[in-house]
Amino acid sequence: MVVLVKIIEPVVDKQISNIFADKKLSKKIKKELISSTEEFTEEKKMFYKSIIKKIYIKWKPLIEESINEANQELNK
């Protein structure tokens, strides 16, 4: 699992950077995401949901394709 996180982390970082073009803003947001996981105000909840939704929309087709390929390999 640690290896998977190390592989995915740069990709997620890039996704966040793409969503927020300003690098300083994306680093600030990444830091905020990491440090503020204990208590969600309604504003924070909506903010995080927006980010997660944008990342998920980009990743979902790749995840589904990978699952289909894995299932095909398993069925061989």
N, C-alpha and C. Protein backbone atom coordinates (compact mmCIF):
# COMPACT_ATOMS: atom_id res chain seq x y z
N MET A 1 0.82 -1.20 0.00
CA MET A 1 0.00 0.00 0.00
C MET A 1 0.87 1.26 0.00
N VAL A 2 1.97 1.24 0.75
CA VAL A 2 2.87 2.40 0.81
C VAL A 2 3.45 2.68 -0.57
N VAL A 3 3.81 1.63 -1.30
CA VAL A 3 4.36 1.81 -2.65
C VAL A 3 3.32 2.45 -3.55
N LEU A 4 2.08 1.99 -3.45
CA LEU A 4 1.00 2.55 -4.26
C LEU A 4 0.81 4.03 -3.97
N VAL A 5 0.85 4.39 -2.69
CA VAL A 5 0.71 5.80 -2.31
C VAL A 5 1.86 6.62 -2.89
N LYS A 6 3.09 6.08 -2.85
CA LYS A 6 4.24 6.81 -3.38
C LYS A 6 4.15 6.99 -4.89
N ILE A 7 3.51 6.03 -5.56
CA ILE A 7 3.34 6.13 -7.01
C ILE A 7 2.24 7.12 -7.34
N ILE A 8 1.15 7.08 -6.59
CA ILE A 8 -0.02 7.91 -6.90
C ILE A 8 0.15 9.35 -6.42
N GLU A 9 0.88 9.56 -5.34
CA GLU A 9 1.01 10.90 -4.77
C GLU A 9 1.45 11.96 -5.78
N PRO A 10 2.49 11.73 -6.60
CA PRO A 10 2.86 12.76 -7.57
C PRO A 10 1.75 13.04 -8.60
N VAL A 11 1.00 12.01 -8.93
CA VAL A 11 -0.09 12.19 -9.90
C VAL A 11 -1.19 13.04 -9.29
N VAL A 12 -1.54 12.76 -8.03
CA VAL A 12 -2.57 13.55 -7.35
C VAL A 12 -2.08 14.99 -7.20
N ASP A 13 -0.81 15.15 -6.86
CA ASP A 13 -0.23 16.49 -6.75
C ASP A 13 -0.36 17.25 -8.07
N LYS A 14 -0.10 16.55 -9.18
CA LYS A 14 -0.24 17.17 -10.50
C LYS A 14 -1.69 17.52 -10.79
N GLN A 15 -2.61 16.63 -10.41
CA GLN A 15 -4.03 16.90 -10.62
C GLN A 15 -4.45 18.16 -9.86
N ILE A 16 -4.02 18.26 -8.61
CA ILE A 16 -4.35 19.45 -7.82
C ILE A 16 -3.73 20.68 -8.45
N SER A 17 -2.50 20.56 -8.93
CA SER A 17 -1.84 21.69 -9.59
C SER A 17 -2.59 22.09 -10.85
N ASN A 18 -3.11 21.11 -11.59
CA ASN A 18 -3.87 21.42 -12.81
C ASN A 18 -5.19 22.10 -12.49
N ILE A 19 -5.83 21.66 -11.42
CA ILE A 19 -7.10 22.28 -11.03
C ILE A 19 -6.87 23.72 -10.62
N PHE A 20 -5.78 23.95 -9.89
CA PHE A 20 -5.44 25.30 -9.43
C PHE A 20 -4.11 25.67 -10.08
N ALA A 21 -4.17 26.38 -11.17
CA ALA A 21 -3.00 26.67 -11.99
C ALA A 21 -1.88 27.38 -11.23
N ASP A 22 -2.24 28.22 -10.30
CA ASP A 22 -1.24 28.94 -9.52
C ASP A 22 -0.54 27.95 -8.58
N LYS A 23 0.77 27.71 -8.79
CA LYS A 23 1.52 26.72 -8.01
C LYS A 23 1.49 27.02 -6.52
N LYS A 24 1.60 28.29 -6.15
CA LYS A 24 1.58 28.64 -4.73
C LYS A 24 0.24 28.26 -4.12
N LEU A 25 -0.83 28.49 -4.85
CA LEU A 25 -2.16 28.16 -4.37
C LEU A 25 -2.31 26.65 -4.23
N SER A 26 -1.83 25.88 -5.22
CA SER A 26 -1.97 24.43 -5.15
C SER A 26 -1.17 23.85 -3.98
N LYS A 27 0.02 24.39 -3.71
CA LYS A 27 0.81 23.91 -2.57
C LYS A 27 0.11 24.26 -1.25
N LYS A 28 -0.47 25.45 -1.21
CA LYS A 28 -1.20 25.87 -0.01
C LYS A 28 -2.41 24.95 0.20
N ILE A 29 -3.11 24.64 -0.88
CA ILE A 29 -4.28 23.77 -0.78
C ILE A 29 -3.86 22.36 -0.36
N LYS A 30 -2.79 21.86 -0.93
CA LYS A 30 -2.30 20.53 -0.55
C LYS A 30 -1.97 20.49 0.94
N LYS A 31 -1.29 21.52 1.43
CA LYS A 31 -0.95 21.61 2.84
C LYS A 31 -2.22 21.65 3.69
N GLU A 32 -3.19 22.41 3.26
CA GLU A 32 -4.46 22.51 3.97
C GLU A 32 -5.18 21.17 3.99
N LEU A 33 -5.17 20.46 2.86
CA LEU A 33 -5.81 19.15 2.79
C LEU A 33 -5.19 18.18 3.79
N ILE A 34 -3.90 18.22 3.90
CA ILE A 34 -3.20 17.31 4.80
C ILE A 34 -3.44 17.69 6.26
N SER A 35 -3.43 18.97 6.56
CA SER A 35 -3.49 19.40 7.96
C SER A 35 -4.90 19.54 8.53
N SER A 36 -5.91 19.55 7.70
CA SER A 36 -7.25 19.83 8.23
C SER A 36 -8.23 18.69 7.98
N THR A 37 -7.88 17.51 8.44
CA THR A 37 -8.76 16.36 8.23
C THR A 37 -9.59 16.02 9.46
N GLU A 38 -9.46 16.78 10.52
CA GLU A 38 -10.18 16.45 11.75
C GLU A 38 -11.59 16.99 11.78
N GLU A 39 -11.78 18.22 11.40
CA GLU A 39 -13.09 18.84 11.54
C GLU A 39 -13.47 19.54 10.24
N PHE A 40 -14.65 19.20 9.72
CA PHE A 40 -15.10 19.80 8.47
C PHE A 40 -16.25 20.76 8.72
N THR A 41 -16.02 22.02 8.41
CA THR A 41 -17.13 22.96 8.39
C THR A 41 -17.88 22.71 7.09
N GLU A 42 -19.05 23.25 6.95
CA GLU A 42 -19.81 23.08 5.71
C GLU A 42 -19.05 23.66 4.53
N GLU A 43 -18.38 24.77 4.73
CA GLU A 43 -17.59 25.40 3.67
C GLU A 43 -16.44 24.48 3.24
N LYS A 44 -15.72 23.91 4.21
CA LYS A 44 -14.61 23.01 3.90
C LYS A 44 -15.13 21.75 3.20
N LYS A 45 -16.26 21.24 3.68
CA LYS A 45 -16.83 20.04 3.06
C LYS A 45 -17.12 20.29 1.58
N MET A 46 -17.73 21.40 1.26
CA MET A 46 -18.05 21.71 -0.14
C MET A 46 -16.77 21.90 -0.95
N PHE A 47 -15.78 22.55 -0.37
CA PHE A 47 -14.50 22.78 -1.04
C PHE A 47 -13.82 21.46 -1.37
N TYR A 48 -13.72 20.57 -0.38
CA TYR A 48 -13.07 19.27 -0.60
C TYR A 48 -13.86 18.40 -1.56
N LYS A 49 -15.19 18.45 -1.45
CA LYS A 49 -16.01 17.67 -2.38
C LYS A 49 -15.75 18.10 -3.82
N SER A 50 -15.61 19.37 -4.03
CA SER A 50 -15.34 19.89 -5.37
C SER A 50 -14.01 19.35 -5.92
N ILE A 51 -12.99 19.38 -5.09
CA ILE A 51 -11.68 18.88 -5.51
C ILE A 51 -11.74 17.38 -5.79
N ILE A 52 -12.32 16.63 -4.86
CA ILE A 52 -12.41 15.17 -5.02
C ILE A 52 -13.20 14.82 -6.27
N LYS A 53 -14.28 15.54 -6.51
CA LYS A 53 -15.10 15.26 -7.69
C LYS A 53 -14.32 15.50 -8.98
N LYS A 54 -13.57 16.57 -9.05
CA LYS A 54 -12.79 16.86 -10.26
C LYS A 54 -11.71 15.81 -10.50
N ILE A 55 -11.05 15.39 -9.42
CA ILE A 55 -10.02 14.35 -9.55
C ILE A 55 -10.66 13.03 -9.95
N TYR A 56 -11.79 12.69 -9.33
CA TYR A 56 -12.48 11.43 -9.62
C TYR A 56 -12.94 11.36 -11.07
N ILE A 57 -13.45 12.46 -11.59
CA ILE A 57 -13.91 12.50 -12.98
C ILE A 57 -12.75 12.18 -13.92
N LYS A 58 -11.57 12.67 -13.62
CA LYS A 58 -10.41 12.38 -14.47
C LYS A 58 -9.90 10.96 -14.29
N TRP A 59 -9.97 10.41 -13.07
CA TRP A 59 -9.42 9.09 -12.77
C TRP A 59 -10.37 7.94 -13.07
N LYS A 60 -11.68 8.16 -12.98
CA LYS A 60 -12.65 7.07 -13.11
C LYS A 60 -12.47 6.25 -14.39
N PRO A 61 -12.35 6.86 -15.57
CA PRO A 61 -12.17 6.04 -16.77
C PRO A 61 -10.91 5.18 -16.72
N LEU A 62 -9.83 5.70 -16.18
CA LEU A 62 -8.58 4.94 -16.08
C LEU A 62 -8.74 3.78 -15.10
N ILE A 63 -9.40 4.03 -13.99
CA ILE A 63 -9.62 2.98 -13.00
C ILE A 63 -10.48 1.87 -13.60
N GLU A 64 -11.57 2.24 -14.29
CA GLU A 64 -12.45 1.25 -14.90
C GLU A 64 -11.72 0.43 -15.96
N GLU A 65 -10.91 1.09 -16.77
CA GLU A 65 -10.14 0.39 -17.79
C GLU A 65 -9.16 -0.60 -17.15
N SER A 66 -8.51 -0.18 -16.08
CA SER A 66 -7.57 -1.05 -15.38
C SER A 66 -8.28 -2.26 -14.78
N ILE A 67 -9.44 -2.04 -14.19
CA ILE A 67 -10.22 -3.15 -13.62
C ILE A 67 -10.63 -4.13 -14.71
N ASN A 68 -11.10 -3.62 -15.85
CA ASN A 68 -11.50 -4.50 -16.96
C ASN A 68 -10.32 -5.33 -17.46
N GLU A 69 -9.16 -4.70 -17.61
CA GLU A 69 -7.97 -5.43 -18.07
C GLU A 69 -7.54 -6.48 -17.04
N ALA A 70 -7.61 -6.13 -15.77
CA ALA A 70 -7.24 -7.08 -14.72
C ALA A 70 -8.21 -8.26 -14.73
N ASN A 71 -9.49 -8.00 -14.90
CA ASN A 71 -10.48 -9.08 -14.95
C ASN A 71 -10.25 -9.99 -16.15
N GLN A 72 -9.89 -9.40 -17.28
CA GLN A 72 -9.59 -10.20 -18.47
C GLN A 72 -8.41 -11.12 -18.23
N GLU A 73 -7.36 -10.58 -17.58
CA GLU A 73 -6.19 -11.39 -17.26
C GLU A 73 -6.52 -12.51 -16.28
N LEU A 74 -7.38 -12.21 -15.31
CA LEU A 74 -7.78 -13.21 -14.33
C LEU A 74 -8.60 -14.33 -14.97
N ASN A 75 -9.38 -13.99 -15.99
CA ASN A 75 -10.23 -14.97 -16.64
C ASN A 75 -9.47 -15.86 -17.61
N LYS A 76 -8.23 -15.54 -17.92
CA LYS A 76 -7.43 -16.35 -18.86
C LYS A 76 -6.91 -17.60 -18.20
